N, C-alpha and C. Protein backbone atom coordinates (compact mmCIF):
# COMPACT_ATOMS: atom_id res chain seq x y z
N UNK A 1 -3.75 -5.80 16.60
CA UNK A 1 -4.99 -5.51 15.92
C UNK A 1 -5.36 -6.63 14.96
N UNK A 2 -4.46 -7.55 14.73
CA UNK A 2 -4.72 -8.71 13.88
C UNK A 2 -5.08 -8.33 12.45
N UNK A 3 -4.53 -7.22 11.94
CA UNK A 3 -4.78 -6.79 10.56
C UNK A 3 -3.46 -6.46 9.90
N UNK A 4 -3.43 -6.58 8.58
CA UNK A 4 -2.23 -6.31 7.82
C UNK A 4 -2.14 -4.81 7.52
N UNK A 5 -1.01 -4.20 7.86
CA UNK A 5 -0.82 -2.78 7.60
C UNK A 5 -0.69 -2.48 6.11
N UNK A 6 -0.37 -3.50 5.32
CA UNK A 6 -0.21 -3.29 3.88
C UNK A 6 -1.49 -3.62 3.10
N UNK A 7 -2.63 -3.65 3.76
CA UNK A 7 -3.90 -4.00 3.12
C UNK A 7 -4.48 -2.87 2.29
N UNK A 8 -4.01 -1.65 2.51
CA UNK A 8 -4.59 -0.49 1.82
C UNK A 8 -5.61 0.24 2.68
N UNK A 9 -5.98 -0.36 3.81
CA UNK A 9 -6.88 0.30 4.74
C UNK A 9 -6.18 1.48 5.41
N UNK A 10 -6.97 2.42 5.89
CA UNK A 10 -6.42 3.55 6.63
C UNK A 10 -6.57 3.25 8.11
N UNK A 11 -5.49 3.35 8.84
CA UNK A 11 -5.49 3.13 10.28
C UNK A 11 -5.49 4.49 10.97
N UNK A 12 -6.43 4.68 11.88
CA UNK A 12 -6.64 5.98 12.53
C UNK A 12 -6.26 5.84 14.01
N UNK A 13 -5.44 6.76 14.48
CA UNK A 13 -5.02 6.76 15.87
C UNK A 13 -5.30 8.13 16.47
N UNK A 14 -5.95 8.15 17.63
CA UNK A 14 -6.22 9.38 18.37
C UNK A 14 -5.52 9.32 19.71
N UNK A 15 -5.02 10.47 20.18
CA UNK A 15 -4.44 10.48 21.51
C UNK A 15 -5.57 10.46 22.55
N UNK A 16 -5.22 10.26 23.81
CA UNK A 16 -6.21 10.12 24.87
C UNK A 16 -7.10 11.35 24.99
N UNK A 17 -6.53 12.54 24.79
CA UNK A 17 -7.30 13.79 24.90
C UNK A 17 -8.12 14.08 23.64
N UNK A 18 -7.94 13.28 22.58
CA UNK A 18 -8.63 13.41 21.29
C UNK A 18 -8.37 14.76 20.63
N UNK A 19 -7.16 15.28 20.78
CA UNK A 19 -6.78 16.54 20.14
C UNK A 19 -5.79 16.33 19.00
N UNK A 20 -5.24 15.13 18.87
CA UNK A 20 -4.30 14.79 17.81
C UNK A 20 -4.81 13.54 17.08
N UNK A 21 -4.65 13.54 15.76
CA UNK A 21 -5.03 12.37 14.98
C UNK A 21 -3.89 12.04 14.02
N UNK A 22 -3.66 10.73 13.85
CA UNK A 22 -2.70 10.24 12.87
C UNK A 22 -3.42 9.21 12.00
N UNK A 23 -3.25 9.35 10.69
CA UNK A 23 -3.80 8.39 9.74
C UNK A 23 -2.62 7.71 9.05
N UNK A 24 -2.63 6.41 9.00
CA UNK A 24 -1.54 5.64 8.40
C UNK A 24 -2.09 4.76 7.30
N UNK A 25 -1.44 4.80 6.13
CA UNK A 25 -1.92 4.01 4.98
C UNK A 25 -0.73 3.54 4.15
N UNK A 26 -0.77 2.30 3.74
CA UNK A 26 0.23 1.74 2.83
C UNK A 26 -0.17 2.09 1.42
N UNK A 27 0.74 2.67 0.63
CA UNK A 27 0.43 3.11 -0.73
C UNK A 27 1.20 2.32 -1.79
N UNK A 28 1.57 1.11 -1.49
CA UNK A 28 2.22 0.26 -2.47
C UNK A 28 3.74 0.32 -2.43
N UNK A 29 4.30 1.49 -2.21
CA UNK A 29 5.76 1.62 -2.16
C UNK A 29 6.24 2.22 -0.85
N UNK A 30 5.34 2.41 0.08
CA UNK A 30 5.70 2.95 1.38
C UNK A 30 4.47 3.44 2.13
N UNK A 31 4.68 3.81 3.37
CA UNK A 31 3.59 4.29 4.20
C UNK A 31 3.42 5.79 4.05
N UNK A 32 2.16 6.24 4.04
CA UNK A 32 1.84 7.67 4.05
C UNK A 32 1.27 7.97 5.43
N UNK A 33 1.69 9.09 6.01
CA UNK A 33 1.26 9.47 7.34
C UNK A 33 0.65 10.87 7.29
N UNK A 34 -0.55 10.99 7.81
CA UNK A 34 -1.23 12.28 7.93
C UNK A 34 -1.35 12.57 9.42
N UNK A 35 -0.96 13.77 9.83
CA UNK A 35 -0.98 14.13 11.25
C UNK A 35 -1.63 15.49 11.40
N UNK A 36 -2.55 15.60 12.35
CA UNK A 36 -3.20 16.89 12.58
C UNK A 36 -3.38 17.09 14.07
N UNK A 37 -3.07 18.31 14.54
CA UNK A 37 -3.24 18.69 15.93
C UNK A 37 -4.21 19.85 15.98
N UNK A 38 -5.28 19.72 16.75
CA UNK A 38 -6.27 20.78 16.86
C UNK A 38 -5.80 21.86 17.83
N UNK A 39 -6.02 23.11 17.48
CA UNK A 39 -5.73 24.23 18.37
C UNK A 39 -6.82 24.35 19.44
N UNK A 40 -8.07 24.07 19.06
CA UNK A 40 -9.19 24.10 20.00
C UNK A 40 -10.10 22.92 19.68
N UNK A 41 -10.82 22.45 20.68
CA UNK A 41 -11.80 21.39 20.46
C UNK A 41 -11.16 20.01 20.46
N UNK A 42 -12.01 19.02 20.18
CA UNK A 42 -11.57 17.63 20.16
C UNK A 42 -12.22 16.90 18.99
N UNK A 43 -11.67 15.75 18.66
CA UNK A 43 -12.26 14.89 17.65
C UNK A 43 -13.31 14.01 18.33
N UNK A 44 -14.41 13.78 17.64
CA UNK A 44 -15.46 12.91 18.17
C UNK A 44 -15.24 11.49 17.67
N UNK A 45 -15.42 10.54 18.55
CA UNK A 45 -15.33 9.14 18.18
C UNK A 45 -16.71 8.59 17.90
N UNK A 46 -16.85 7.71 16.90
CA UNK A 46 -18.14 7.04 16.69
C UNK A 46 -18.46 6.16 17.90
N UNK A 47 -19.72 5.94 18.15
CA UNK A 47 -20.13 5.09 19.27
C UNK A 47 -19.78 3.65 18.94
N UNK A 48 -19.04 3.03 19.84
CA UNK A 48 -18.62 1.64 19.66
C UNK A 48 -19.41 0.78 20.65
N UNK A 49 -20.13 -0.20 20.14
CA UNK A 49 -20.99 -1.02 21.00
C UNK A 49 -20.27 -2.22 21.60
N UNK A 50 -19.10 -2.56 21.07
CA UNK A 50 -18.38 -3.72 21.60
C UNK A 50 -17.11 -3.26 22.31
N UNK A 51 -16.43 -4.19 22.93
CA UNK A 51 -15.20 -3.85 23.67
C UNK A 51 -13.96 -3.96 22.79
N UNK A 52 -14.13 -4.08 21.47
CA UNK A 52 -12.99 -4.18 20.55
C UNK A 52 -12.20 -2.88 20.53
N UNK A 53 -10.93 -2.98 20.25
CA UNK A 53 -10.10 -1.78 20.11
C UNK A 53 -10.11 -1.27 18.68
N UNK A 54 -10.67 -2.04 17.76
CA UNK A 54 -10.76 -1.62 16.37
C UNK A 54 -12.23 -1.51 15.97
N UNK A 55 -12.49 -0.59 15.03
CA UNK A 55 -13.85 -0.41 14.55
C UNK A 55 -13.80 0.14 13.13
N UNK A 56 -14.41 -0.55 12.17
CA UNK A 56 -14.43 -0.02 10.80
C UNK A 56 -15.39 1.15 10.69
N UNK A 57 -14.99 2.18 9.94
CA UNK A 57 -15.85 3.33 9.66
C UNK A 57 -15.80 3.60 8.16
N UNK A 58 -16.77 4.34 7.67
CA UNK A 58 -16.81 4.68 6.26
C UNK A 58 -15.94 5.89 5.97
N UNK A 59 -15.68 6.11 4.69
CA UNK A 59 -14.93 7.29 4.26
C UNK A 59 -15.66 8.56 4.68
N UNK A 60 -16.98 8.53 4.57
CA UNK A 60 -17.79 9.69 4.92
C UNK A 60 -17.70 9.98 6.42
N UNK A 61 -17.72 8.94 7.26
CA UNK A 61 -17.59 9.14 8.69
C UNK A 61 -16.23 9.73 9.04
N UNK A 62 -15.17 9.28 8.35
CA UNK A 62 -13.84 9.83 8.58
C UNK A 62 -13.80 11.31 8.23
N UNK A 63 -14.40 11.68 7.10
CA UNK A 63 -14.44 13.09 6.72
C UNK A 63 -15.18 13.92 7.77
N UNK A 64 -16.29 13.41 8.27
CA UNK A 64 -17.04 14.12 9.30
C UNK A 64 -16.20 14.30 10.56
N UNK A 65 -15.50 13.27 10.97
CA UNK A 65 -14.65 13.35 12.17
C UNK A 65 -13.58 14.42 11.99
N UNK A 66 -12.90 14.42 10.83
CA UNK A 66 -11.83 15.38 10.59
C UNK A 66 -12.35 16.81 10.46
N UNK A 67 -13.60 16.98 10.01
CA UNK A 67 -14.17 18.31 9.84
C UNK A 67 -14.87 18.82 11.10
N UNK A 68 -15.00 17.97 12.12
CA UNK A 68 -15.61 18.41 13.37
C UNK A 68 -17.12 18.31 13.39
N UNK A 69 -17.69 17.51 12.53
CA UNK A 69 -19.15 17.33 12.49
C UNK A 69 -19.56 16.36 13.59
N UNK A 70 -20.63 16.67 14.33
CA UNK A 70 -21.13 15.80 15.38
C UNK A 70 -21.80 14.59 14.75
N UNK A 71 -21.26 13.42 14.96
CA UNK A 71 -21.75 12.21 14.31
C UNK A 71 -23.12 11.78 14.82
N UNK A 72 -23.43 12.06 16.06
CA UNK A 72 -24.70 11.63 16.64
C UNK A 72 -25.89 12.38 16.04
N UNK A 73 -25.66 13.55 15.48
CA UNK A 73 -26.75 14.37 14.96
C UNK A 73 -26.97 14.21 13.46
N UNK A 74 -26.16 13.40 12.81
CA UNK A 74 -26.28 13.22 11.36
C UNK A 74 -27.40 12.22 11.10
N UNK A 75 -28.30 12.58 10.25
CA UNK A 75 -29.39 11.69 9.88
C UNK A 75 -29.33 11.44 8.38
N UNK A 76 -29.10 10.19 8.02
CA UNK A 76 -29.02 9.84 6.61
C UNK A 76 -30.43 9.62 6.05
N UNK A 77 -30.68 10.18 4.89
CA UNK A 77 -31.97 9.99 4.24
C UNK A 77 -31.91 8.69 3.43
N UNK A 78 -33.06 8.09 3.23
CA UNK A 78 -33.14 6.81 2.55
C UNK A 78 -32.66 6.93 1.11
N UNK A 79 -31.83 6.00 0.69
CA UNK A 79 -31.30 5.94 -0.66
C UNK A 79 -31.32 4.49 -1.14
N UNK A 80 -31.37 4.31 -2.45
CA UNK A 80 -31.29 2.98 -3.04
C UNK A 80 -29.88 2.45 -2.90
N UNK A 81 -29.79 1.20 -2.51
CA UNK A 81 -28.49 0.54 -2.44
C UNK A 81 -28.62 -0.84 -3.05
N UNK A 82 -27.85 -1.07 -4.09
CA UNK A 82 -27.91 -2.34 -4.81
C UNK A 82 -27.35 -3.45 -3.91
N UNK A 83 -28.08 -4.55 -3.83
CA UNK A 83 -27.63 -5.68 -3.04
C UNK A 83 -26.52 -6.40 -3.78
N UNK A 84 -25.49 -6.80 -3.04
CA UNK A 84 -24.39 -7.54 -3.64
C UNK A 84 -24.78 -9.00 -3.80
N UNK A 85 -24.34 -9.59 -4.89
CA UNK A 85 -24.62 -10.99 -5.15
C UNK A 85 -23.67 -11.86 -4.36
N UNK A 86 -24.19 -12.90 -3.76
CA UNK A 86 -23.34 -13.85 -3.05
C UNK A 86 -23.40 -15.19 -3.77
N UNK A 87 -22.27 -15.79 -3.95
CA UNK A 87 -22.17 -17.06 -4.69
C UNK A 87 -21.93 -18.21 -3.74
């Protein structure tokens, strides 16, 4: 994946049937692992437009995935977002 596991990012792994999810995160003194198996249904994956095996998602998208919210039907309303300064 060409990324450092100790970066603080959360790495998300789904099985082929999309019924199990594992979240892996480095917390400074060791790895934390979250594992969940669904009794019914599946997890939805965000639409990926490239052939990459990795895809960054937001914290909010992760929460929606874990709660079973259909990502394609979510419509975000316009909000102010401060532009970051580039030097």
